[in-house]
Amino acid sequence: MGDRKNESRVIKMSANAEERGHANEGGASELYQLGSMAAGFLAFMFRYKWGPWICMLFYLMSLANMRLENKFQQIFTSLGIVVISFVTVYVTPNRPPMPPPTVDVDEALDE
């Protein structure tokens, strides 16, 4: 059942998560980051105008719920997604509409 010689190294589990010191370690924050990434993807790929704003809202909510213990990579990644979504929607020129396919009616009827 374990090494009885080193019982001081065994970490006992307690019923209360707050006693362990890591209750709810960023669960809400990571959910908001996922929402921010999804909204940023919609803004980047489909150029929805509401995408960057929802992306920024989710980013700010994830910052409010995040503990700042070595999570700077997640902070800057999410900030980069927000910036890219705003640049894509508001700074880059609009794509020209795709022209409809041209079909010569006379040639189509002859075949």
N, C-alpha and C. Protein backbone atom coordinates (compact mmCIF):
# COMPACT_ATOMS: atom_id res chain seq x y z
N MET A 1 0.81 -1.20 0.00
CA MET A 1 0.00 0.00 0.00
C MET A 1 0.85 1.26 0.00
N GLY A 2 2.08 1.16 -0.06
CA GLY A 2 2.94 2.33 -0.05
C GLY A 2 4.16 2.06 0.81
N ASP A 3 5.07 2.95 0.73
CA ASP A 3 6.30 2.82 1.50
C ASP A 3 6.06 3.36 2.90
N ARG A 4 5.99 2.50 3.88
CA ARG A 4 5.70 2.91 5.24
C ARG A 4 6.90 3.60 5.89
N LYS A 5 8.06 3.48 5.28
CA LYS A 5 9.24 4.13 5.84
C LYS A 5 9.22 5.63 5.58
N ASN A 6 8.56 6.05 4.50
CA ASN A 6 8.53 7.46 4.14
C ASN A 6 7.12 8.03 4.21
N GLU A 7 6.44 7.85 5.31
CA GLU A 7 5.08 8.36 5.41
C GLU A 7 5.03 9.88 5.46
N SER A 8 6.12 10.52 5.75
CA SER A 8 6.14 11.98 5.76
C SER A 8 6.04 12.54 4.35
N ARG A 9 6.36 11.76 3.34
CA ARG A 9 6.29 12.20 1.95
C ARG A 9 4.91 12.00 1.33
N VAL A 10 4.04 11.28 2.01
CA VAL A 10 2.71 11.01 1.49
C VAL A 10 1.83 12.24 1.72
N ILE A 11 1.18 12.68 0.66
CA ILE A 11 0.26 13.82 0.75
C ILE A 11 -1.13 13.29 0.95
N LYS A 12 -1.71 13.62 2.06
CA LYS A 12 -3.06 13.16 2.39
C LYS A 12 -4.08 14.04 1.68
N MET A 13 -5.11 13.42 1.13
CA MET A 13 -6.18 14.17 0.47
C MET A 13 -7.20 14.60 1.51
N SER A 14 -7.63 15.84 1.41
CA SER A 14 -8.67 16.33 2.31
C SER A 14 -9.96 16.53 1.53
N ALA A 15 -11.06 16.55 2.24
CA ALA A 15 -12.36 16.68 1.59
C ALA A 15 -12.59 18.10 1.09
N ASN A 16 -11.97 19.07 1.73
CA ASN A 16 -12.19 20.46 1.38
C ASN A 16 -11.09 20.93 0.45
N ALA A 17 -11.43 21.36 -0.73
CA ALA A 17 -10.44 21.77 -1.73
C ALA A 17 -9.76 23.07 -1.34
N GLU A 18 -10.43 23.93 -0.59
CA GLU A 18 -9.82 25.20 -0.20
C GLU A 18 -8.69 25.00 0.78
N GLU A 19 -8.71 23.92 1.54
CA GLU A 19 -7.62 23.64 2.46
C GLU A 19 -6.36 23.27 1.69
N ARG A 20 -6.49 22.70 0.52
CA ARG A 20 -5.33 22.32 -0.28
C ARG A 20 -4.70 23.52 -0.94
N GLY A 21 -5.40 24.64 -1.02
CA GLY A 21 -4.82 25.85 -1.56
C GLY A 21 -5.00 26.06 -3.04
N HIS A 22 -5.72 25.21 -3.72
CA HIS A 22 -5.91 25.41 -5.16
C HIS A 22 -7.33 25.08 -5.56
N ALA A 23 -8.26 25.78 -4.98
CA ALA A 23 -9.66 25.60 -5.34
C ALA A 23 -9.94 26.37 -6.63
N ASN A 24 -10.57 25.71 -7.59
CA ASN A 24 -10.96 26.32 -8.86
C ASN A 24 -9.78 27.02 -9.53
N GLU A 25 -8.80 26.28 -9.92
CA GLU A 25 -7.60 26.84 -10.52
C GLU A 25 -7.85 27.30 -11.95
N GLY A 26 -8.50 28.42 -12.12
CA GLY A 26 -8.66 29.01 -13.43
C GLY A 26 -9.63 28.31 -14.35
N GLY A 27 -10.58 27.57 -13.84
CA GLY A 27 -11.53 26.89 -14.70
C GLY A 27 -12.37 27.87 -15.49
N ALA A 28 -12.88 28.90 -14.84
CA ALA A 28 -13.68 29.91 -15.53
C ALA A 28 -12.81 30.71 -16.49
N SER A 29 -11.59 30.99 -16.09
CA SER A 29 -10.68 31.76 -16.94
C SER A 29 -10.39 31.02 -18.24
N GLU A 30 -10.16 29.72 -18.16
CA GLU A 30 -9.87 28.96 -19.37
C GLU A 30 -11.10 28.84 -20.27
N LEU A 31 -12.28 28.80 -19.67
CA LEU A 31 -13.50 28.77 -20.47
C LEU A 31 -13.68 30.08 -21.23
N TYR A 32 -13.39 31.20 -20.57
CA TYR A 32 -13.48 32.50 -21.24
C TYR A 32 -12.41 32.62 -22.33
N GLN A 33 -11.24 32.05 -22.12
CA GLN A 33 -10.21 32.08 -23.15
C GLN A 33 -10.63 31.28 -24.38
N LEU A 34 -11.30 30.17 -24.15
CA LEU A 34 -11.82 29.38 -25.26
C LEU A 34 -12.88 30.17 -26.04
N GLY A 35 -13.76 30.87 -25.33
CA GLY A 35 -14.75 31.72 -25.99
C GLY A 35 -14.09 32.84 -26.77
N SER A 36 -13.02 33.39 -26.22
CA SER A 36 -12.28 34.45 -26.90
C SER A 36 -11.65 33.93 -28.19
N MET A 37 -11.11 32.73 -28.13
CA MET A 37 -10.51 32.14 -29.33
C MET A 37 -11.57 31.85 -30.40
N ALA A 38 -12.75 31.38 -29.98
CA ALA A 38 -13.81 31.09 -30.94
C ALA A 38 -14.31 32.37 -31.60
N ALA A 39 -14.50 33.43 -30.82
CA ALA A 39 -14.96 34.69 -31.39
C ALA A 39 -13.88 35.30 -32.28
N GLY A 40 -12.62 35.17 -31.89
CA GLY A 40 -11.53 35.66 -32.72
C GLY A 40 -11.44 34.90 -34.04
N PHE A 41 -11.70 33.60 -34.00
CA PHE A 41 -11.71 32.80 -35.23
C PHE A 41 -12.82 33.27 -36.16
N LEU A 42 -14.01 33.53 -35.62
CA LEU A 42 -15.11 34.01 -36.46
C LEU A 42 -14.78 35.37 -37.06
N ALA A 43 -14.14 36.22 -36.26
CA ALA A 43 -13.77 37.54 -36.78
C ALA A 43 -12.70 37.43 -37.85
N PHE A 44 -11.75 36.54 -37.65
CA PHE A 44 -10.64 36.40 -38.59
C PHE A 44 -11.08 35.74 -39.90
N MET A 45 -11.86 34.68 -39.81
CA MET A 45 -12.22 33.92 -41.00
C MET A 45 -13.40 34.52 -41.77
N PHE A 46 -14.42 34.96 -41.04
CA PHE A 46 -15.65 35.40 -41.70
C PHE A 46 -15.86 36.91 -41.64
N ARG A 47 -14.96 37.60 -40.96
CA ARG A 47 -15.00 39.06 -40.84
C ARG A 47 -16.32 39.59 -40.28
N TYR A 48 -16.81 38.93 -39.26
CA TYR A 48 -17.98 39.45 -38.55
C TYR A 48 -17.53 40.63 -37.70
N LYS A 49 -18.30 41.72 -37.77
CA LYS A 49 -17.91 42.94 -37.03
C LYS A 49 -18.05 42.77 -35.53
N TRP A 50 -18.92 41.89 -35.08
CA TRP A 50 -19.10 41.71 -33.64
C TRP A 50 -18.06 40.77 -33.05
N GLY A 51 -17.34 40.06 -33.88
CA GLY A 51 -16.36 39.08 -33.42
C GLY A 51 -15.25 39.64 -32.55
N PRO A 52 -14.57 40.72 -32.99
CA PRO A 52 -13.50 41.25 -32.15
C PRO A 52 -14.00 41.81 -30.82
N TRP A 53 -15.20 42.36 -30.82
CA TRP A 53 -15.72 42.93 -29.57
C TRP A 53 -16.05 41.83 -28.56
N ILE A 54 -16.64 40.74 -29.04
CA ILE A 54 -16.91 39.60 -28.15
C ILE A 54 -15.60 38.98 -27.71
N CYS A 55 -14.63 38.92 -28.61
CA CYS A 55 -13.32 38.38 -28.29
C CYS A 55 -12.66 39.21 -27.18
N MET A 56 -12.74 40.53 -27.29
CA MET A 56 -12.16 41.40 -26.25
C MET A 56 -12.91 41.26 -24.93
N LEU A 57 -14.23 41.13 -24.99
CA LEU A 57 -15.02 40.96 -23.78
C LEU A 57 -14.63 39.67 -23.04
N PHE A 58 -14.54 38.57 -23.79
CA PHE A 58 -14.12 37.32 -23.18
C PHE A 58 -12.69 37.39 -22.66
N TYR A 59 -11.82 38.12 -23.36
CA TYR A 59 -10.43 38.27 -22.91
C TYR A 59 -10.39 39.01 -21.57
N LEU A 60 -11.14 40.09 -21.47
CA LEU A 60 -11.16 40.85 -20.21
C LEU A 60 -11.76 40.05 -19.07
N MET A 61 -12.79 39.25 -19.36
CA MET A 61 -13.36 38.41 -18.31
C MET A 61 -12.38 37.32 -17.89
N SER A 62 -11.60 36.79 -18.82
CA SER A 62 -10.61 35.78 -18.44
C SER A 62 -9.50 36.41 -17.61
N LEU A 63 -9.13 37.67 -17.90
CA LEU A 63 -8.13 38.34 -17.07
C LEU A 63 -8.65 38.57 -15.66
N ALA A 64 -9.92 38.90 -15.55
CA ALA A 64 -10.49 39.15 -14.22
C ALA A 64 -10.55 37.88 -13.39
N ASN A 65 -10.70 36.73 -14.02
CA ASN A 65 -10.82 35.47 -13.29
C ASN A 65 -9.52 34.69 -13.19
N MET A 66 -8.44 35.22 -13.75
CA MET A 66 -7.19 34.48 -13.81
C MET A 66 -6.31 34.82 -12.62
N ARG A 67 -5.60 33.80 -12.14
CA ARG A 67 -4.54 34.04 -11.16
C ARG A 67 -3.26 34.26 -11.95
N LEU A 68 -2.48 35.26 -11.55
CA LEU A 68 -1.31 35.65 -12.32
C LEU A 68 -0.07 34.86 -11.93
N GLU A 69 -0.18 33.59 -11.74
CA GLU A 69 0.96 32.76 -11.40
C GLU A 69 1.48 32.08 -12.66
N ASN A 70 2.47 32.68 -13.29
CA ASN A 70 3.14 32.12 -14.47
C ASN A 70 2.16 31.84 -15.61
N LYS A 71 1.23 32.72 -15.84
CA LYS A 71 0.28 32.53 -16.93
C LYS A 71 0.43 33.62 -17.98
N PHE A 72 1.64 34.19 -18.07
CA PHE A 72 1.84 35.29 -19.00
C PHE A 72 1.75 34.81 -20.45
N GLN A 73 2.09 33.58 -20.73
CA GLN A 73 1.96 33.06 -22.09
C GLN A 73 0.50 33.04 -22.52
N GLN A 74 -0.39 32.62 -21.64
CA GLN A 74 -1.82 32.61 -21.96
C GLN A 74 -2.34 34.03 -22.13
N ILE A 75 -1.85 34.96 -21.30
CA ILE A 75 -2.30 36.35 -21.39
C ILE A 75 -1.91 36.94 -22.75
N PHE A 76 -0.66 36.75 -23.15
CA PHE A 76 -0.20 37.35 -24.40
C PHE A 76 -0.76 36.63 -25.62
N THR A 77 -1.02 35.35 -25.52
CA THR A 77 -1.64 34.64 -26.63
C THR A 77 -3.06 35.15 -26.85
N SER A 78 -3.81 35.29 -25.77
CA SER A 78 -5.17 35.80 -25.90
C SER A 78 -5.18 37.24 -26.39
N LEU A 79 -4.24 38.05 -25.91
CA LEU A 79 -4.15 39.44 -26.37
C LEU A 79 -3.81 39.49 -27.86
N GLY A 80 -2.95 38.59 -28.31
CA GLY A 80 -2.62 38.53 -29.73
C GLY A 80 -3.83 38.18 -30.58
N ILE A 81 -4.66 37.27 -30.10
CA ILE A 81 -5.87 36.90 -30.84
C ILE A 81 -6.82 38.09 -30.93
N VAL A 82 -6.94 38.86 -29.86
CA VAL A 82 -7.80 40.05 -29.87
C VAL A 82 -7.28 41.07 -30.88
N VAL A 83 -5.99 41.33 -30.86
CA VAL A 83 -5.41 42.32 -31.78
C VAL A 83 -5.56 41.87 -33.23
N ILE A 84 -5.27 40.60 -33.50
CA ILE A 84 -5.40 40.10 -34.87
C ILE A 84 -6.83 40.18 -35.37
N SER A 85 -7.79 39.88 -34.49
CA SER A 85 -9.19 39.94 -34.93
C SER A 85 -9.61 41.38 -35.23
N PHE A 86 -9.16 42.36 -34.42
CA PHE A 86 -9.49 43.76 -34.72
C PHE A 86 -8.82 44.22 -36.00
N VAL A 87 -7.56 43.86 -36.21
CA VAL A 87 -6.85 44.27 -37.42
C VAL A 87 -7.50 43.66 -38.65
N THR A 88 -7.87 42.40 -38.55
CA THR A 88 -8.47 41.72 -39.70
C THR A 88 -9.80 42.35 -40.10
N VAL A 89 -10.60 42.71 -39.12
CA VAL A 89 -11.94 43.22 -39.43
C VAL A 89 -11.91 44.69 -39.82
N TYR A 90 -11.12 45.51 -39.10
CA TYR A 90 -11.24 46.96 -39.29
C TYR A 90 -10.11 47.60 -40.09
N VAL A 91 -8.96 46.95 -40.26
CA VAL A 91 -7.84 47.61 -40.92
C VAL A 91 -7.62 47.07 -42.33
N THR A 92 -7.69 45.77 -42.50
CA THR A 92 -7.41 45.21 -43.82
C THR A 92 -8.53 45.55 -44.80
N PRO A 93 -8.21 45.69 -46.08
CA PRO A 93 -9.26 46.01 -47.05
C PRO A 93 -10.22 44.83 -47.22
N ASN A 94 -11.42 45.17 -47.62
CA ASN A 94 -12.42 44.12 -47.86
C ASN A 94 -12.06 43.32 -49.09
N ARG A 95 -12.40 42.06 -49.04
CA ARG A 95 -12.18 41.20 -50.20
C ARG A 95 -13.20 41.54 -51.28
N PRO A 96 -12.79 41.54 -52.54
CA PRO A 96 -13.79 41.78 -53.59
C PRO A 96 -14.74 40.60 -53.67
N PRO A 97 -15.99 40.87 -54.00
CA PRO A 97 -16.94 39.75 -54.11
C PRO A 97 -16.54 38.81 -55.25
N MET A 98 -16.82 37.58 -55.04
CA MET A 98 -16.47 36.57 -56.04
C MET A 98 -17.43 36.68 -57.22
N PRO A 99 -16.90 36.79 -58.44
CA PRO A 99 -17.81 36.92 -59.60
C PRO A 99 -18.54 35.60 -59.84
N PRO A 100 -19.75 35.68 -60.34
CA PRO A 100 -20.48 34.44 -60.62
C PRO A 100 -19.82 33.71 -61.79
N PRO A 101 -19.94 32.42 -61.82
CA PRO A 101 -19.34 31.69 -62.94
C PRO A 101 -20.03 32.07 -64.24
N THR A 102 -19.24 32.21 -65.27
CA THR A 102 -19.80 32.59 -66.58
C THR A 102 -20.03 31.32 -67.40
N VAL A 103 -21.20 31.21 -67.91
CA VAL A 103 -21.57 30.08 -68.75
C VAL A 103 -22.19 30.65 -70.00
N ASP A 104 -21.67 30.24 -71.13
CA ASP A 104 -22.26 30.67 -72.40
C ASP A 104 -23.48 29.79 -72.65
N VAL A 105 -24.64 30.40 -72.72
CA VAL A 105 -25.89 29.67 -72.85
C VAL A 105 -25.96 28.90 -74.17
N ASP A 106 -25.47 29.49 -75.25
CA ASP A 106 -25.54 28.83 -76.56
C ASP A 106 -24.68 27.56 -76.57
N GLU A 107 -23.48 27.62 -75.97
CA GLU A 107 -22.63 26.45 -75.95
C GLU A 107 -23.19 25.36 -75.04
N ALA A 108 -23.83 25.75 -73.97
CA ALA A 108 -24.41 24.77 -73.05
C ALA A 108 -25.57 24.05 -73.71
N LEU A 109 -26.35 24.75 -74.53
CA LEU A 109 -27.51 24.12 -75.18
C LEU A 109 -27.07 23.23 -76.34
N ASP A 110 -25.95 23.57 -77.00
CA ASP A 110 -25.50 22.75 -78.13
C ASP A 110 -24.99 21.38 -77.67
N GLU A 111 -24.47 21.30 -76.48
CA GLU A 111 -23.92 20.03 -76.01
C GLU A 111 -25.02 19.15 -75.60
